[in-house]
N, C-alpha and C. Protein backbone atom coordinates (compact mmCIF):
# COMPACT_ATOMS: atom_id res chain seq x y z
N MET A 1 49.34 33.09 24.15
CA MET A 1 48.61 31.90 24.54
C MET A 1 47.11 32.21 24.47
N VAL A 2 46.34 31.26 23.91
CA VAL A 2 44.89 31.42 23.76
C VAL A 2 44.21 30.99 25.04
N LYS A 3 43.31 31.83 25.51
CA LYS A 3 42.58 31.53 26.74
C LYS A 3 41.42 30.58 26.42
N PRO A 4 41.28 29.44 27.13
CA PRO A 4 40.20 28.50 26.84
C PRO A 4 38.84 29.09 27.18
N LEU A 5 37.84 28.67 26.43
CA LEU A 5 36.47 29.12 26.68
C LEU A 5 35.93 28.45 27.94
N PRO A 6 35.03 29.14 28.64
CA PRO A 6 34.44 28.51 29.82
C PRO A 6 33.56 27.32 29.40
N ARG A 7 33.45 26.35 30.28
CA ARG A 7 32.65 25.16 29.98
C ARG A 7 31.17 25.52 29.96
N LEU A 8 30.46 24.88 29.05
CA LEU A 8 29.01 25.06 28.96
C LEU A 8 28.33 24.01 29.83
N ARG A 9 27.29 24.42 30.50
CA ARG A 9 26.52 23.47 31.31
C ARG A 9 25.32 23.02 30.48
N LEU A 10 25.22 21.72 30.23
CA LEU A 10 24.14 21.17 29.43
C LEU A 10 23.02 20.71 30.34
N GLN A 11 21.81 21.11 30.02
CA GLN A 11 20.64 20.70 30.79
C GLN A 11 19.67 19.99 29.87
N GLY A 12 19.10 18.90 30.35
CA GLY A 12 18.16 18.14 29.54
C GLY A 12 18.80 17.50 28.33
N PHE A 13 20.08 17.22 28.41
CA PHE A 13 20.82 16.66 27.28
C PHE A 13 21.12 15.20 27.55
N ASN A 14 20.77 14.35 26.61
CA ASN A 14 21.04 12.92 26.75
C ASN A 14 22.01 12.53 25.65
N ASN A 15 23.22 12.18 26.03
CA ASN A 15 24.22 11.84 25.03
C ASN A 15 24.27 10.33 24.74
N LEU A 16 23.28 9.59 25.21
CA LEU A 16 23.23 8.16 24.91
C LEU A 16 22.46 7.94 23.61
N THR A 17 23.04 7.17 22.75
CA THR A 17 22.39 6.86 21.48
C THR A 17 21.86 5.44 21.52
N LYS A 18 20.63 5.28 21.10
CA LYS A 18 20.04 3.96 21.04
C LYS A 18 19.70 3.66 19.59
N ALA A 19 20.00 2.45 19.18
CA ALA A 19 19.73 2.07 17.79
C ALA A 19 18.98 0.75 17.77
N LEU A 20 18.14 0.60 16.78
CA LEU A 20 17.39 -0.63 16.57
C LEU A 20 17.80 -1.18 15.22
N SER A 21 18.19 -2.42 15.20
CA SER A 21 18.51 -3.06 13.92
C SER A 21 17.89 -4.44 13.90
N PHE A 22 17.58 -4.90 12.73
CA PHE A 22 17.02 -6.23 12.59
C PHE A 22 17.41 -6.80 11.24
N ASN A 23 17.43 -8.11 11.17
CA ASN A 23 17.77 -8.82 9.94
C ASN A 23 16.58 -9.66 9.52
N ILE A 24 16.30 -9.68 8.24
CA ILE A 24 15.24 -10.52 7.69
C ILE A 24 15.88 -11.43 6.66
N TYR A 25 15.73 -12.73 6.86
CA TYR A 25 16.29 -13.70 5.94
C TYR A 25 15.17 -14.42 5.20
N ASP A 26 15.33 -14.57 3.92
CA ASP A 26 14.39 -15.33 3.09
C ASP A 26 15.25 -16.10 2.10
N VAL A 27 15.33 -17.40 2.27
CA VAL A 27 16.23 -18.23 1.48
C VAL A 27 15.42 -19.13 0.56
N CYS A 28 15.87 -19.26 -0.66
CA CYS A 28 15.17 -20.10 -1.64
C CYS A 28 16.20 -20.74 -2.56
N TYR A 29 15.96 -21.98 -2.92
CA TYR A 29 16.79 -22.66 -3.91
C TYR A 29 16.01 -22.73 -5.21
N ALA A 30 16.50 -22.07 -6.23
CA ALA A 30 15.83 -22.04 -7.53
C ALA A 30 16.54 -23.00 -8.48
N ARG A 31 15.78 -23.91 -9.04
CA ARG A 31 16.36 -24.90 -9.95
C ARG A 31 16.46 -24.41 -11.38
N THR A 32 15.60 -23.50 -11.76
CA THR A 32 15.61 -23.02 -13.15
C THR A 32 15.73 -21.50 -13.15
N GLU A 33 16.04 -20.97 -14.31
CA GLU A 33 16.14 -19.52 -14.46
C GLU A 33 14.77 -18.86 -14.22
N GLU A 34 13.71 -19.54 -14.63
CA GLU A 34 12.36 -19.00 -14.42
C GLU A 34 12.04 -18.91 -12.92
N GLU A 35 12.38 -19.96 -12.16
CA GLU A 35 12.16 -19.93 -10.70
C GLU A 35 12.97 -18.82 -10.06
N ARG A 36 14.20 -18.66 -10.53
CA ARG A 36 15.07 -17.62 -10.00
C ARG A 36 14.46 -16.24 -10.24
N GLN A 37 13.98 -16.01 -11.44
CA GLN A 37 13.38 -14.71 -11.78
C GLN A 37 12.13 -14.45 -10.96
N ARG A 38 11.29 -15.48 -10.78
CA ARG A 38 10.07 -15.31 -9.98
C ARG A 38 10.42 -15.00 -8.52
N TYR A 39 11.47 -15.63 -8.01
CA TYR A 39 11.89 -15.37 -6.63
C TYR A 39 12.40 -13.94 -6.48
N ILE A 40 13.17 -13.47 -7.44
CA ILE A 40 13.68 -12.10 -7.40
C ILE A 40 12.51 -11.10 -7.41
N GLU A 41 11.51 -11.36 -8.24
CA GLU A 41 10.34 -10.49 -8.28
C GLU A 41 9.60 -10.50 -6.95
N TYR A 42 9.49 -11.68 -6.35
CA TYR A 42 8.84 -11.81 -5.03
C TYR A 42 9.60 -10.99 -3.98
N ILE A 43 10.91 -11.13 -3.94
CA ILE A 43 11.74 -10.40 -2.96
C ILE A 43 11.61 -8.90 -3.17
N ASP A 44 11.65 -8.47 -4.44
CA ASP A 44 11.53 -7.04 -4.73
C ASP A 44 10.22 -6.47 -4.22
N GLU A 45 9.14 -7.23 -4.34
CA GLU A 45 7.83 -6.76 -3.89
C GLU A 45 7.68 -6.87 -2.37
N GLU A 46 8.11 -7.99 -1.82
CA GLU A 46 7.89 -8.27 -0.39
C GLU A 46 8.76 -7.40 0.51
N TYR A 47 9.97 -7.09 0.08
CA TYR A 47 10.92 -6.37 0.93
C TYR A 47 11.37 -5.06 0.28
N ASN A 48 10.44 -4.31 -0.28
CA ASN A 48 10.80 -3.01 -0.84
C ASN A 48 10.95 -1.98 0.28
N ALA A 49 11.45 -0.81 -0.05
CA ALA A 49 11.75 0.21 0.96
C ALA A 49 10.51 0.64 1.73
N ASP A 50 9.38 0.77 1.05
CA ASP A 50 8.15 1.18 1.75
C ASP A 50 7.72 0.14 2.78
N ARG A 51 7.79 -1.13 2.41
CA ARG A 51 7.37 -2.19 3.34
C ARG A 51 8.32 -2.27 4.53
N LEU A 52 9.63 -2.18 4.29
CA LEU A 52 10.59 -2.22 5.40
C LEU A 52 10.42 -1.01 6.32
N THR A 53 10.11 0.15 5.74
CA THR A 53 9.85 1.33 6.56
C THR A 53 8.63 1.11 7.44
N GLN A 54 7.60 0.49 6.89
CA GLN A 54 6.39 0.21 7.67
C GLN A 54 6.68 -0.78 8.80
N ILE A 55 7.50 -1.80 8.52
CA ILE A 55 7.88 -2.76 9.57
C ILE A 55 8.61 -2.03 10.69
N LEU A 56 9.57 -1.17 10.34
CA LEU A 56 10.32 -0.40 11.34
C LEU A 56 9.38 0.49 12.15
N THR A 57 8.46 1.15 11.47
CA THR A 57 7.50 2.03 12.15
C THR A 57 6.64 1.25 13.13
N ASP A 58 6.18 0.08 12.71
CA ASP A 58 5.36 -0.77 13.59
C ASP A 58 6.14 -1.22 14.82
N VAL A 59 7.39 -1.64 14.62
CA VAL A 59 8.23 -2.08 15.74
C VAL A 59 8.48 -0.91 16.69
N ALA A 60 8.79 0.26 16.15
CA ALA A 60 9.04 1.44 16.98
C ALA A 60 7.81 1.78 17.82
N GLU A 61 6.63 1.66 17.22
CA GLU A 61 5.40 1.94 17.95
C GLU A 61 5.19 0.93 19.08
N ILE A 62 5.47 -0.34 18.80
CA ILE A 62 5.30 -1.39 19.81
C ILE A 62 6.20 -1.14 21.02
N ILE A 63 7.45 -0.72 20.78
CA ILE A 63 8.39 -0.54 21.90
C ILE A 63 8.39 0.88 22.44
N GLY A 64 7.56 1.75 21.90
CA GLY A 64 7.46 3.12 22.41
C GLY A 64 8.63 4.00 22.02
N ALA A 65 9.22 3.74 20.86
CA ALA A 65 10.36 4.53 20.41
C ALA A 65 9.92 5.65 19.48
N ASN A 66 10.76 6.65 19.35
CA ASN A 66 10.54 7.74 18.41
C ASN A 66 11.52 7.60 17.25
N ILE A 67 11.02 7.67 16.04
CA ILE A 67 11.88 7.60 14.86
C ILE A 67 12.29 9.03 14.51
N LEU A 68 13.60 9.27 14.50
CA LEU A 68 14.10 10.61 14.21
C LEU A 68 14.35 10.82 12.73
N ASN A 69 14.74 9.76 12.02
CA ASN A 69 15.05 9.89 10.61
C ASN A 69 14.91 8.54 9.93
N VAL A 70 14.42 8.56 8.70
CA VAL A 70 14.33 7.35 7.90
C VAL A 70 15.00 7.63 6.56
N ALA A 71 15.98 6.82 6.21
CA ALA A 71 16.60 6.89 4.89
C ALA A 71 16.26 5.59 4.18
N ARG A 72 15.76 5.68 2.97
CA ARG A 72 15.36 4.46 2.27
C ARG A 72 15.98 4.38 0.89
N GLN A 73 16.18 3.15 0.46
CA GLN A 73 16.79 2.90 -0.84
C GLN A 73 16.24 1.59 -1.39
N ASP A 74 15.64 1.62 -2.56
CA ASP A 74 15.24 0.40 -3.25
C ASP A 74 16.41 -0.02 -4.13
N TYR A 75 16.79 -1.29 -4.06
CA TYR A 75 17.92 -1.78 -4.86
C TYR A 75 17.44 -2.54 -6.05
């Protein structure tokens, strides 16, 4: 029989996880292919990974949060 290890005492350890999430909606009805293409270009520029990271950073600063990790992806 294997003898169990003694329990470790954790000090200064916070096992609560806090997450911040937000949704940004931008809706447009494009009547022509040209309008559709212009809207896609606008969305690509307005909501790219760098801009969304900056928005998150600004919100974190406002609420006094610390950002531990940022993963970004441009689609």
